[in-house]
Amino acid sequence: MIEKSSRLIGAVNLVYTVMKGSVFFWLALLSRGFVYGWVFAIKIVSLYFTSENPQTLRFRDLLKQKESIPYAKVISAMMTFFFSLGLTGWLLSLVNISQLSFAMFYIGGLAWLVWLVIAIYYVKTQSSSGENQFYQSLLEMKQDFQKVILAFLLAFIFVWLTLTKTMLGWLLFPGIYFYLVGRIQKVQFKGVKS
């Protein structure tokens, strides 16, 4: 009985942690004005899920982290452009089905997913020197190529599910996604040196 209750408590804590991570992501994104907030929001959620005890963290404590990320606004603006392009194509395809709307949706959506994975690795390699940080993140992506593909496919599946099933998924997507990406980063694949 104790084992069942401890599993139940663990599951409830996991749901709470994931939901709180999603709220932190959206608050961080909105605090930077949405257009320039993607990299900052990824950084906040990454800090949240890598902390020792995420349940005790407050949003104000994470906002006090003033380390700037070079080119964060440029990467965030690119992500906003592609997100807007994909969203516009999706909304146009709901009204008027045309090849242009589908092309906008697929190009914008896939480019946004690629930039999402790049931004995750860019934030992860933030501690390296600032002048070649983007290059360092691309090298790390090359070394962890299986994990990059997994993160991309996971994001693709979540975006597809949220577009086809429910809009509530957009509220929970960041927490679940970044929790799973954090778990994937800890996994060692056979035959792969990290």
N, C-alpha and C. Protein backbone atom coordinates (compact mmCIF):
# COMPACT_ATOMS: atom_id res chain seq x y z
N MET A 1 0.82 -1.20 0.00
CA MET A 1 0.00 0.00 0.00
C MET A 1 0.86 1.26 0.00
N ILE A 2 1.96 1.19 0.75
CA ILE A 2 2.85 2.35 0.82
C ILE A 2 3.49 2.60 -0.54
N GLU A 3 3.84 1.51 -1.25
CA GLU A 3 4.45 1.68 -2.57
C GLU A 3 3.47 2.31 -3.55
N LYS A 4 2.20 1.92 -3.48
CA LYS A 4 1.19 2.50 -4.37
C LYS A 4 0.99 3.98 -4.07
N SER A 5 0.96 4.33 -2.78
CA SER A 5 0.77 5.74 -2.43
C SER A 5 1.99 6.56 -2.81
N SER A 6 3.19 5.98 -2.69
CA SER A 6 4.38 6.74 -3.07
C SER A 6 4.43 6.93 -4.59
N ARG A 7 3.95 5.95 -5.36
CA ARG A 7 3.89 6.12 -6.81
C ARG A 7 2.85 7.17 -7.18
N LEU A 8 1.75 7.18 -6.46
CA LEU A 8 0.71 8.18 -6.70
C LEU A 8 1.23 9.57 -6.38
N ILE A 9 1.93 9.70 -5.27
CA ILE A 9 2.51 11.00 -4.89
C ILE A 9 3.55 11.43 -5.93
N GLY A 10 4.36 10.49 -6.40
CA GLY A 10 5.34 10.81 -7.44
C GLY A 10 4.68 11.26 -8.73
N ALA A 11 3.59 10.60 -9.11
CA ALA A 11 2.87 10.98 -10.33
C ALA A 11 2.24 12.36 -10.19
N VAL A 12 1.67 12.64 -9.02
CA VAL A 12 1.07 13.96 -8.79
C VAL A 12 2.14 15.04 -8.80
N ASN A 13 3.29 14.77 -8.19
CA ASN A 13 4.40 15.73 -8.20
C ASN A 13 4.91 15.97 -9.62
N LEU A 14 4.96 14.91 -10.43
CA LEU A 14 5.41 15.06 -11.82
C LEU A 14 4.43 15.93 -12.61
N VAL A 15 3.14 15.68 -12.46
CA VAL A 15 2.14 16.50 -13.16
C VAL A 15 2.24 17.95 -12.71
N TYR A 16 2.41 18.17 -11.41
CA TYR A 16 2.54 19.53 -10.89
C TYR A 16 3.79 20.21 -11.45
N THR A 17 4.90 19.48 -11.48
CA THR A 17 6.15 20.03 -11.99
C THR A 17 6.02 20.39 -13.47
N VAL A 18 5.42 19.52 -14.25
CA VAL A 18 5.26 19.77 -15.69
C VAL A 18 4.34 20.96 -15.93
N MET A 19 3.24 21.03 -15.20
CA MET A 19 2.31 22.15 -15.39
C MET A 19 2.95 23.47 -14.96
N LYS A 20 3.71 23.45 -13.87
CA LYS A 20 4.39 24.66 -13.41
C LYS A 20 5.46 25.08 -14.43
N GLY A 21 6.16 24.11 -15.03
CA GLY A 21 7.13 24.42 -16.07
C GLY A 21 6.48 25.07 -17.28
N SER A 22 5.29 24.60 -17.64
CA SER A 22 4.56 25.22 -18.76
C SER A 22 4.17 26.65 -18.45
N VAL A 23 3.70 26.87 -17.24
CA VAL A 23 3.33 28.23 -16.83
C VAL A 23 4.55 29.13 -16.84
N PHE A 24 5.68 28.63 -16.34
CA PHE A 24 6.92 29.42 -16.36
C PHE A 24 7.32 29.76 -17.79
N PHE A 25 7.19 28.80 -18.71
CA PHE A 25 7.55 29.06 -20.10
C PHE A 25 6.71 30.19 -20.68
N TRP A 26 5.39 30.11 -20.53
CA TRP A 26 4.51 31.13 -21.12
C TRP A 26 4.70 32.47 -20.44
N LEU A 27 4.93 32.49 -19.13
CA LEU A 27 5.18 33.76 -18.44
C LEU A 27 6.49 34.39 -18.91
N ALA A 28 7.52 33.56 -19.07
CA ALA A 28 8.81 34.08 -19.55
C ALA A 28 8.69 34.59 -20.98
N LEU A 29 7.95 33.86 -21.81
CA LEU A 29 7.76 34.29 -23.19
C LEU A 29 7.01 35.61 -23.26
N LEU A 30 5.97 35.75 -22.47
CA LEU A 30 5.20 36.99 -22.47
C LEU A 30 5.94 38.13 -21.79
N SER A 31 6.81 37.82 -20.82
CA SER A 31 7.54 38.90 -20.14
C SER A 31 8.53 39.59 -21.06
N ARG A 32 8.97 38.92 -22.10
CA ARG A 32 9.88 39.52 -23.08
C ARG A 32 9.16 39.99 -24.33
N GLY A 33 7.84 40.03 -24.29
CA GLY A 33 7.09 40.56 -25.41
C GLY A 33 6.88 39.58 -26.55
N PHE A 34 6.92 38.31 -26.31
CA PHE A 34 6.66 37.23 -27.26
C PHE A 34 7.66 37.21 -28.42
N VAL A 35 7.90 38.33 -29.07
CA VAL A 35 8.78 38.34 -30.24
C VAL A 35 10.21 38.01 -29.86
N TYR A 36 10.70 38.58 -28.79
CA TYR A 36 12.09 38.38 -28.38
C TYR A 36 12.23 37.45 -27.19
N GLY A 37 11.23 36.68 -26.86
CA GLY A 37 11.26 35.90 -25.64
C GLY A 37 11.50 34.42 -25.75
N TRP A 38 11.61 33.89 -26.96
CA TRP A 38 11.73 32.44 -27.11
C TRP A 38 12.97 31.88 -26.41
N VAL A 39 14.13 32.44 -26.67
CA VAL A 39 15.37 31.91 -26.08
C VAL A 39 15.35 32.10 -24.57
N PHE A 40 14.85 33.24 -24.10
CA PHE A 40 14.75 33.48 -22.66
C PHE A 40 13.82 32.46 -22.01
N ALA A 41 12.70 32.18 -22.65
CA ALA A 41 11.75 31.20 -22.09
C ALA A 41 12.35 29.80 -22.06
N ILE A 42 13.10 29.45 -23.09
CA ILE A 42 13.77 28.15 -23.11
C ILE A 42 14.81 28.08 -22.00
N LYS A 43 15.51 29.18 -21.77
CA LYS A 43 16.50 29.23 -20.69
C LYS A 43 15.83 29.06 -19.33
N ILE A 44 14.71 29.76 -19.11
CA ILE A 44 14.01 29.68 -17.83
C ILE A 44 13.51 28.26 -17.58
N VAL A 45 12.91 27.64 -18.59
CA VAL A 45 12.38 26.28 -18.41
C VAL A 45 13.52 25.28 -18.23
N SER A 46 14.63 25.48 -18.93
CA SER A 46 15.78 24.59 -18.75
C SER A 46 16.34 24.71 -17.34
N LEU A 47 16.45 25.93 -16.83
CA LEU A 47 16.89 26.11 -15.44
C LEU A 47 15.92 25.48 -14.46
N TYR A 48 14.65 25.60 -14.74
CA TYR A 48 13.63 25.04 -13.86
C TYR A 48 13.73 23.52 -13.79
N PHE A 49 13.83 22.87 -14.93
CA PHE A 49 13.85 21.41 -14.93
C PHE A 49 15.20 20.82 -14.53
N THR A 50 16.28 21.59 -14.59
CA THR A 50 17.58 21.07 -14.16
C THR A 50 17.88 21.39 -12.71
N SER A 51 17.00 22.11 -12.03
CA SER A 51 17.25 22.42 -10.62
C SER A 51 17.04 21.18 -9.76
N GLU A 52 17.60 21.23 -8.56
CA GLU A 52 17.51 20.09 -7.64
C GLU A 52 16.07 19.79 -7.24
N ASN A 53 15.33 20.84 -6.87
CA ASN A 53 13.95 20.67 -6.42
C ASN A 53 13.08 21.71 -7.11
N PRO A 54 12.57 21.40 -8.30
CA PRO A 54 11.83 22.41 -9.06
C PRO A 54 10.52 22.85 -8.40
N GLN A 55 9.95 22.02 -7.51
CA GLN A 55 8.68 22.39 -6.89
C GLN A 55 8.81 23.63 -6.01
N THR A 56 10.01 23.87 -5.48
CA THR A 56 10.18 25.00 -4.56
C THR A 56 10.58 26.29 -5.27
N LEU A 57 10.90 26.23 -6.56
CA LEU A 57 11.32 27.43 -7.28
C LEU A 57 10.15 28.35 -7.54
N ARG A 58 10.45 29.65 -7.50
CA ARG A 58 9.44 30.66 -7.84
C ARG A 58 9.89 31.35 -9.12
N PHE A 59 8.92 31.88 -9.84
CA PHE A 59 9.20 32.53 -11.11
C PHE A 59 10.09 33.75 -10.91
N ARG A 60 9.86 34.49 -9.83
CA ARG A 60 10.68 35.68 -9.56
C ARG A 60 12.15 35.32 -9.37
N ASP A 61 12.41 34.17 -8.75
CA ASP A 61 13.80 33.75 -8.55
C ASP A 61 14.48 33.45 -9.88
N LEU A 62 13.76 32.85 -10.80
CA LEU A 62 14.35 32.56 -12.10
C LEU A 62 14.52 33.81 -12.95
N LEU A 63 13.63 34.79 -12.78
CA LEU A 63 13.75 36.03 -13.54
C LEU A 63 14.96 36.85 -13.12
N LYS A 64 15.45 36.64 -11.90
CA LYS A 64 16.60 37.40 -11.41
C LYS A 64 17.90 36.98 -12.08
N GLN A 65 17.90 35.88 -12.79
CA GLN A 65 19.08 35.44 -13.51
C GLN A 65 19.33 36.43 -14.65
N LYS A 66 20.36 37.24 -14.54
CA LYS A 66 20.58 38.32 -15.51
C LYS A 66 21.64 38.00 -16.55
N GLU A 67 22.08 36.75 -16.63
CA GLU A 67 23.07 36.41 -17.65
C GLU A 67 22.45 36.58 -19.03
N SER A 68 23.07 37.40 -19.83
CA SER A 68 22.52 37.61 -21.18
C SER A 68 23.06 36.54 -22.12
N ILE A 69 22.25 36.19 -23.06
CA ILE A 69 22.63 35.20 -24.06
C ILE A 69 22.87 35.96 -25.36
N PRO A 70 24.09 35.87 -25.91
CA PRO A 70 24.36 36.60 -27.15
C PRO A 70 23.45 36.14 -28.28
N TYR A 71 22.99 37.09 -29.05
CA TYR A 71 22.13 36.85 -30.22
C TYR A 71 20.79 36.22 -29.87
N ALA A 72 20.38 36.31 -28.61
CA ALA A 72 19.10 35.72 -28.20
C ALA A 72 17.93 36.40 -28.89
N LYS A 73 18.02 37.71 -29.06
CA LYS A 73 16.92 38.43 -29.72
C LYS A 73 16.82 38.08 -31.20
N VAL A 74 17.96 37.86 -31.84
CA VAL A 74 17.95 37.50 -33.26
C VAL A 74 17.33 36.11 -33.45
N ILE A 75 17.76 35.16 -32.62
CA ILE A 75 17.21 33.81 -32.72
C ILE A 75 15.72 33.81 -32.39
N SER A 76 15.34 34.57 -31.37
CA SER A 76 13.93 34.65 -30.99
C SER A 76 13.09 35.30 -32.09
N ALA A 77 13.64 36.32 -32.72
CA ALA A 77 12.90 36.97 -33.82
C ALA A 77 12.72 36.00 -35.00
N MET A 78 13.75 35.20 -35.29
CA MET A 78 13.63 34.19 -36.35
C MET A 78 12.55 33.17 -35.99
N MET A 79 12.56 32.73 -34.73
CA MET A 79 11.55 31.76 -34.29
C MET A 79 10.14 32.36 -34.38
N THR A 80 10.01 33.63 -34.01
CA THR A 80 8.70 34.28 -34.09
C THR A 80 8.24 34.39 -35.54
N PHE A 81 9.16 34.73 -36.44
CA PHE A 81 8.81 34.82 -37.86
C PHE A 81 8.29 33.48 -38.38
N PHE A 82 9.03 32.41 -38.11
CA PHE A 82 8.62 31.10 -38.62
C PHE A 82 7.36 30.59 -37.92
N PHE A 83 7.22 30.89 -36.63
CA PHE A 83 5.99 30.51 -35.91
C PHE A 83 4.79 31.24 -36.51
N SER A 84 4.97 32.53 -36.78
CA SER A 84 3.88 33.31 -37.39
C SER A 84 3.55 32.82 -38.79
N LEU A 85 4.58 32.48 -39.55
CA LEU A 85 4.36 31.95 -40.90
C LEU A 85 3.58 30.64 -40.86
N GLY A 86 3.99 29.74 -39.97
CA GLY A 86 3.28 28.47 -39.84
C GLY A 86 1.86 28.64 -39.34
N LEU A 87 1.68 29.52 -38.36
CA LEU A 87 0.34 29.76 -37.82
C LEU A 87 -0.56 30.41 -38.86
N THR A 88 -0.02 31.34 -39.63
CA THR A 88 -0.80 31.97 -40.69
C THR A 88 -1.22 30.94 -41.75
N GLY A 89 -0.29 30.09 -42.13
CA GLY A 89 -0.62 29.04 -43.10
C GLY A 89 -1.68 28.09 -42.57
N TRP A 90 -1.59 27.75 -41.29
CA TRP A 90 -2.58 26.85 -40.69
C TRP A 90 -3.96 27.50 -40.66
N LEU A 91 -4.00 28.77 -40.24
CA LEU A 91 -5.29 29.46 -40.18
C LEU A 91 -5.88 29.67 -41.58
N LEU A 92 -5.02 29.97 -42.56
CA LEU A 92 -5.51 30.11 -43.94
C LEU A 92 -6.04 28.80 -44.49
N SER A 93 -5.40 27.70 -44.11
CA SER A 93 -5.87 26.40 -44.61
C SER A 93 -7.20 26.01 -43.99
N LEU A 94 -7.53 26.57 -42.83
CA LEU A 94 -8.85 26.31 -42.24
C LEU A 94 -9.96 27.03 -43.00
N VAL A 95 -9.63 28.20 -43.56
CA VAL A 95 -10.62 29.00 -44.28
C VAL A 95 -10.68 28.62 -45.75
N ASN A 96 -9.52 28.60 -46.39
CA ASN A 96 -9.45 28.37 -47.83
C ASN A 96 -8.31 27.40 -48.10
N ILE A 97 -8.63 26.22 -48.53
CA ILE A 97 -7.60 25.22 -48.78
C ILE A 97 -6.90 25.55 -50.09
N SER A 98 -5.61 25.83 -49.97
CA SER A 98 -4.81 26.11 -51.17
C SER A 98 -3.40 25.59 -50.94
N GLN A 99 -2.66 25.47 -52.01
CA GLN A 99 -1.29 24.99 -51.90
C GLN A 99 -0.40 26.00 -51.19
N LEU A 100 -0.69 27.27 -51.37
CA LEU A 100 0.10 28.31 -50.71
C LEU A 100 -0.05 28.23 -49.19
N SER A 101 -1.26 28.02 -48.71
CA SER A 101 -1.46 27.95 -47.26
C SER A 101 -0.76 26.73 -46.67
N PHE A 102 -0.83 25.60 -47.37
CA PHE A 102 -0.13 24.41 -46.88
C PHE A 102 1.38 24.59 -46.93
N ALA A 103 1.89 25.23 -47.98
CA ALA A 103 3.32 25.49 -48.07
C ALA A 103 3.77 26.41 -46.95
N MET A 104 3.00 27.45 -46.68
CA MET A 104 3.34 28.35 -45.57
C MET A 104 3.35 27.60 -44.25
N PHE A 105 2.36 26.75 -44.05
CA PHE A 105 2.26 25.99 -42.81
C PHE A 105 3.44 25.04 -42.64
N TYR A 106 3.75 24.27 -43.68
CA TYR A 106 4.83 23.29 -43.57
C TYR A 106 6.20 23.94 -43.48
N ILE A 107 6.45 24.94 -44.30
CA ILE A 107 7.75 25.60 -44.27
C ILE A 107 7.94 26.33 -42.95
N GLY A 108 6.95 27.12 -42.55
CA GLY A 108 7.05 27.84 -41.29
C GLY A 108 7.13 26.93 -40.09
N GLY A 109 6.30 25.89 -40.08
CA GLY A 109 6.29 24.97 -38.95
C GLY A 109 7.57 24.18 -38.82
N LEU A 110 8.07 23.63 -39.92
CA LEU A 110 9.31 22.86 -39.86
C LEU A 110 10.50 23.74 -39.53
N ALA A 111 10.54 24.95 -40.08
CA ALA A 111 11.64 25.86 -39.75
C ALA A 111 11.59 26.25 -38.28
N TRP A 112 10.38 26.46 -37.74
CA TRP A 112 10.26 26.79 -36.31
C TRP A 112 10.72 25.62 -35.45
N LEU A 113 10.39 24.39 -35.84
CA LEU A 113 10.84 23.23 -35.07
C LEU A 113 12.36 23.09 -35.11
N VAL A 114 12.96 23.35 -36.27
CA VAL A 114 14.42 23.29 -36.37
C VAL A 114 15.05 24.35 -35.47
N TRP A 115 14.52 25.58 -35.51
CA TRP A 115 15.06 26.64 -34.67
C TRP A 115 14.81 26.37 -33.19
N LEU A 116 13.73 25.68 -32.85
CA LEU A 116 13.48 25.31 -31.46
C LEU A 116 14.58 24.39 -30.94
N VAL A 117 14.92 23.38 -31.72
CA VAL A 117 15.97 22.45 -31.31
C VAL A 117 17.32 23.17 -31.26
N ILE A 118 17.59 24.03 -32.23
CA ILE A 118 18.84 24.80 -32.21
C ILE A 118 18.90 25.69 -30.98
N ALA A 119 17.79 26.33 -30.64
CA ALA A 119 17.77 27.21 -29.46
C ALA A 119 17.98 26.44 -28.18
N ILE A 120 17.47 25.22 -28.10
CA ILE A 120 17.69 24.39 -26.90
C ILE A 120 19.18 24.13 -26.72
N TYR A 121 19.85 23.74 -27.78
CA TYR A 121 21.29 23.49 -27.69
C TYR A 121 22.07 24.78 -27.51
N TYR A 122 21.58 25.87 -28.06
CA TYR A 122 22.23 27.17 -27.88
C TYR A 122 22.20 27.59 -26.42
N VAL A 123 21.07 27.39 -25.77
CA VAL A 123 20.96 27.71 -24.34
C VAL A 123 21.80 26.75 -23.52
N LYS A 124 21.84 25.49 -23.93
CA LYS A 124 22.61 24.47 -23.21
C LYS A 124 24.11 24.78 -23.23
N THR A 125 24.63 25.33 -24.34
CA THR A 125 26.05 25.65 -24.45
C THR A 125 26.35 27.09 -24.06
N GLN A 126 25.45 27.71 -23.32
CA GLN A 126 25.61 29.12 -22.96
C GLN A 126 26.88 29.37 -22.15
N SER A 127 27.30 28.41 -21.36
CA SER A 127 28.46 28.62 -20.51
C SER A 127 29.76 28.71 -21.30
N SER A 128 29.76 28.27 -22.56
CA SER A 128 30.97 28.36 -23.36
C SER A 128 31.20 29.81 -23.79
N SER A 129 32.32 30.05 -24.43
CA SER A 129 32.66 31.42 -24.81
C SER A 129 31.60 32.00 -25.74
N GLY A 130 31.30 33.28 -25.56
CA GLY A 130 30.21 33.93 -26.27
C GLY A 130 30.45 34.14 -27.75
N GLU A 131 31.72 34.27 -28.16
CA GLU A 131 31.98 34.62 -29.55
C GLU A 131 31.69 33.50 -30.53
N ASN A 132 31.87 32.26 -30.12
CA ASN A 132 31.58 31.16 -31.04
C ASN A 132 30.57 30.19 -30.42
N GLN A 133 29.65 30.72 -29.67
CA GLN A 133 28.67 29.89 -28.98
C GLN A 133 27.75 29.18 -29.97
N PHE A 134 27.35 29.87 -31.02
CA PHE A 134 26.47 29.24 -32.01
C PHE A 134 27.18 28.07 -32.68
N TYR A 135 28.45 28.25 -33.01
CA TYR A 135 29.24 27.18 -33.60
C TYR A 135 29.37 26.02 -32.62
N GLN A 136 29.61 26.32 -31.34
CA GLN A 136 29.72 25.27 -30.33
C GLN A 136 28.42 24.49 -30.19
N SER A 137 27.30 25.21 -30.26
CA SER A 137 26.01 24.51 -30.14
C SER A 137 25.77 23.61 -31.36
N LEU A 138 26.19 24.05 -32.55
CA LEU A 138 26.05 23.20 -33.73
C LEU A 138 26.96 21.97 -33.65
N LEU A 139 28.16 22.14 -33.09
CA LEU A 139 29.05 20.99 -32.89
C LEU A 139 28.45 20.00 -31.90
N GLU A 140 27.86 20.51 -30.84
CA GLU A 140 27.24 19.62 -29.86
C GLU A 140 26.03 18.90 -30.47
N MET A 141 25.31 19.60 -31.33
CA MET A 141 24.19 18.96 -32.02
C MET A 141 24.69 17.84 -32.93
N LYS A 142 25.84 18.05 -33.55
CA LYS A 142 26.41 17.02 -34.42
C LYS A 142 26.83 15.80 -33.59
N GLN A 143 27.39 16.05 -32.41
CA GLN A 143 27.81 14.94 -31.55
C GLN A 143 26.62 14.18 -30.98
N ASP A 144 25.55 14.88 -30.64
CA ASP A 144 24.35 14.27 -30.08
C ASP A 144 23.25 14.15 -31.13
N PHE A 145 23.60 13.71 -32.32
CA PHE A 145 22.65 13.75 -33.43
C PHE A 145 21.40 12.91 -33.16
N GLN A 146 21.55 11.76 -32.50
CA GLN A 146 20.38 10.94 -32.19
C GLN A 146 19.44 11.67 -31.23
N LYS A 147 20.00 12.37 -30.27
CA LYS A 147 19.18 13.14 -29.33
C LYS A 147 18.51 14.32 -30.02
N VAL A 148 19.20 14.92 -30.97
CA VAL A 148 18.62 16.04 -31.74
C VAL A 148 17.43 15.55 -32.55
N ILE A 149 17.59 14.42 -33.21
CA ILE A 149 16.48 13.85 -33.99
C ILE A 149 15.32 13.49 -33.07
N LEU A 150 15.61 12.92 -31.91
CA LEU A 150 14.56 12.59 -30.96
C LEU A 150 13.83 13.84 -30.49
N ALA A 151 14.57 14.90 -30.17
CA ALA A 151 13.95 16.16 -29.72
C ALA A 151 13.10 16.77 -30.83
N PHE A 152 13.59 16.71 -32.06
CA PHE A 152 12.83 17.24 -33.19
C PHE A 152 11.54 16.45 -33.41
N LEU A 153 11.65 15.12 -33.41
CA LEU A 153 10.46 14.29 -33.62
C LEU A 153 9.46 14.44 -32.48
N LEU A 154 9.96 14.57 -31.27
CA LEU A 154 9.09 14.78 -30.12
C LEU A 154 8.33 16.10 -30.26
N ALA A 155 9.02 17.15 -30.67
CA ALA A 155 8.35 18.44 -30.88
C ALA A 155 7.34 18.34 -32.02
N PHE A 156 7.71 17.65 -33.08
CA PHE A 156 6.80 17.47 -34.21
C PHE A 156 5.53 16.75 -33.79
N ILE A 157 5.68 15.69 -33.01
CA ILE A 157 4.52 14.93 -32.55
C ILE A 157 3.64 15.78 -31.65
N PHE A 158 4.25 16.52 -30.73
CA PHE A 158 3.45 17.36 -29.82
C PHE A 158 2.72 18.47 -30.57
N VAL A 159 3.39 19.10 -31.52
CA VAL A 159 2.73 20.16 -32.29
C VAL A 159 1.59 19.57 -33.11
N TRP A 160 1.81 18.42 -33.73
CA TRP A 160 0.75 17.79 -34.50
C TRP A 160 -0.43 17.43 -33.61
N LEU A 161 -0.16 16.88 -32.43
CA LEU A 161 -1.25 16.52 -31.52
C LEU A 161 -2.02 17.75 -31.04
N THR A 162 -1.31 18.83 -30.75
CA THR A 162 -2.01 20.02 -30.27
C THR A 162 -2.82 20.68 -31.37
N LEU A 163 -2.37 20.57 -32.62
CA LEU A 163 -3.14 21.16 -33.71
C LEU A 163 -4.37 20.32 -34.06
N THR A 164 -4.26 19.02 -33.90
CA THR A 164 -5.36 18.16 -34.33
C THR A 164 -6.31 17.79 -33.20
N LYS A 165 -5.87 17.79 -31.98
CA LYS A 165 -6.71 17.30 -30.90
C LYS A 165 -7.30 18.42 -30.05
N THR A 166 -6.48 19.23 -29.44
CA THR A 166 -7.01 20.24 -28.53
C THR A 166 -6.04 21.41 -28.40
N MET A 167 -6.59 22.57 -28.18
CA MET A 167 -5.75 23.74 -27.95
C MET A 167 -5.21 23.77 -26.52
N LEU A 168 -5.80 22.97 -25.63
CA LEU A 168 -5.28 22.87 -24.27
C LEU A 168 -3.84 22.34 -24.29
N GLY A 169 -3.52 21.59 -25.35
CA GLY A 169 -2.17 21.07 -25.49
C GLY A 169 -1.12 22.16 -25.57
N TRP A 170 -1.47 23.32 -26.13
CA TRP A 170 -0.51 24.42 -26.21
C TRP A 170 -0.12 24.90 -24.83
N LEU A 171 -1.03 24.80 -23.87
CA LEU A 171 -0.70 25.23 -22.51
C LEU A 171 0.23 24.24 -21.83
N LEU A 172 0.07 22.95 -22.13
CA LEU A 172 0.87 21.92 -21.48
C LEU A 172 2.08 21.48 -22.29
N PHE A 173 2.10 21.80 -23.57
CA PHE A 173 3.18 21.37 -24.46
C PHE A 173 4.58 21.74 -23.95
N PRO A 174 4.84 22.99 -23.55
CA PRO A 174 6.22 23.32 -23.16
C PRO A 174 6.72 22.53 -21.96
N GLY A 175 5.89 22.35 -20.96
CA GLY A 175 6.32 21.62 -19.78
C GLY A 175 6.64 20.17 -20.07
N ILE A 176 5.74 19.51 -20.78
CA ILE A 176 5.96 18.10 -21.12
C ILE A 176 7.18 17.96 -22.03
N TYR A 177 7.26 18.83 -23.03
CA TYR A 177 8.35 18.74 -24.00
C TYR A 177 9.71 18.95 -23.34
N PHE A 178 9.86 20.02 -22.56
CA PHE A 178 11.17 20.29 -21.97
C PHE A 178 11.51 19.31 -20.86
N TYR A 179 10.52 18.76 -20.20
CA TYR A 179 10.79 17.69 -19.23
C TYR A 179 11.36 16.48 -19.96
N LEU A 180 10.72 16.07 -21.06
CA LEU A 180 11.20 14.91 -21.81
C LEU A 180 12.54 15.17 -22.48
N VAL A 181 12.76 16.38 -22.97
CA VAL A 181 14.07 16.70 -23.57
C VAL A 181 15.16 16.63 -22.50
N GLY A 182 14.87 17.10 -21.30
CA GLY A 182 15.83 16.98 -20.20
C GLY A 182 16.14 15.53 -19.88
N ARG A 183 15.13 14.68 -19.93
CA ARG A 183 15.35 13.25 -19.69
C ARG A 183 16.15 12.62 -20.83
N ILE A 184 15.88 13.05 -22.05
CA ILE A 184 16.62 12.52 -23.21
C ILE A 184 18.09 12.91 -23.12
N GLN A 185 18.37 14.13 -22.66
CA GLN A 185 19.76 14.60 -22.56
C GLN A 185 20.57 13.74 -21.59
N LYS A 186 19.92 13.14 -20.61
CA LYS A 186 20.62 12.33 -19.61
C LYS A 186 20.87 10.91 -20.09
N VAL A 187 20.18 10.47 -21.14
CA VAL A 187 20.28 9.10 -21.63
C VAL A 187 21.54 8.95 -22.47
N GLN A 188 22.25 7.85 -22.26
CA GLN A 188 23.40 7.52 -23.08
C GLN A 188 22.99 6.43 -24.06
N PHE A 189 23.14 6.68 -25.35
CA PHE A 189 22.82 5.67 -26.35
C PHE A 189 24.03 4.77 -26.56
N LYS A 190 23.78 3.52 -26.87
CA LYS A 190 24.87 2.57 -27.10
C LYS A 190 25.61 2.96 -28.37
N GLY A 191 26.93 2.95 -28.28
CA GLY A 191 27.75 3.26 -29.44
C GLY A 191 27.91 4.74 -29.71
N VAL A 192 27.37 5.59 -28.85
CA VAL A 192 27.46 7.03 -29.05
C VAL A 192 28.25 7.62 -27.90
N LYS A 193 29.28 8.38 -28.22
CA LYS A 193 30.07 9.04 -27.19
C LYS A 193 29.57 10.46 -27.03
N SER A 194 29.22 10.82 -25.78
CA SER A 194 28.74 12.19 -25.53
C SER A 194 29.78 12.99 -24.81
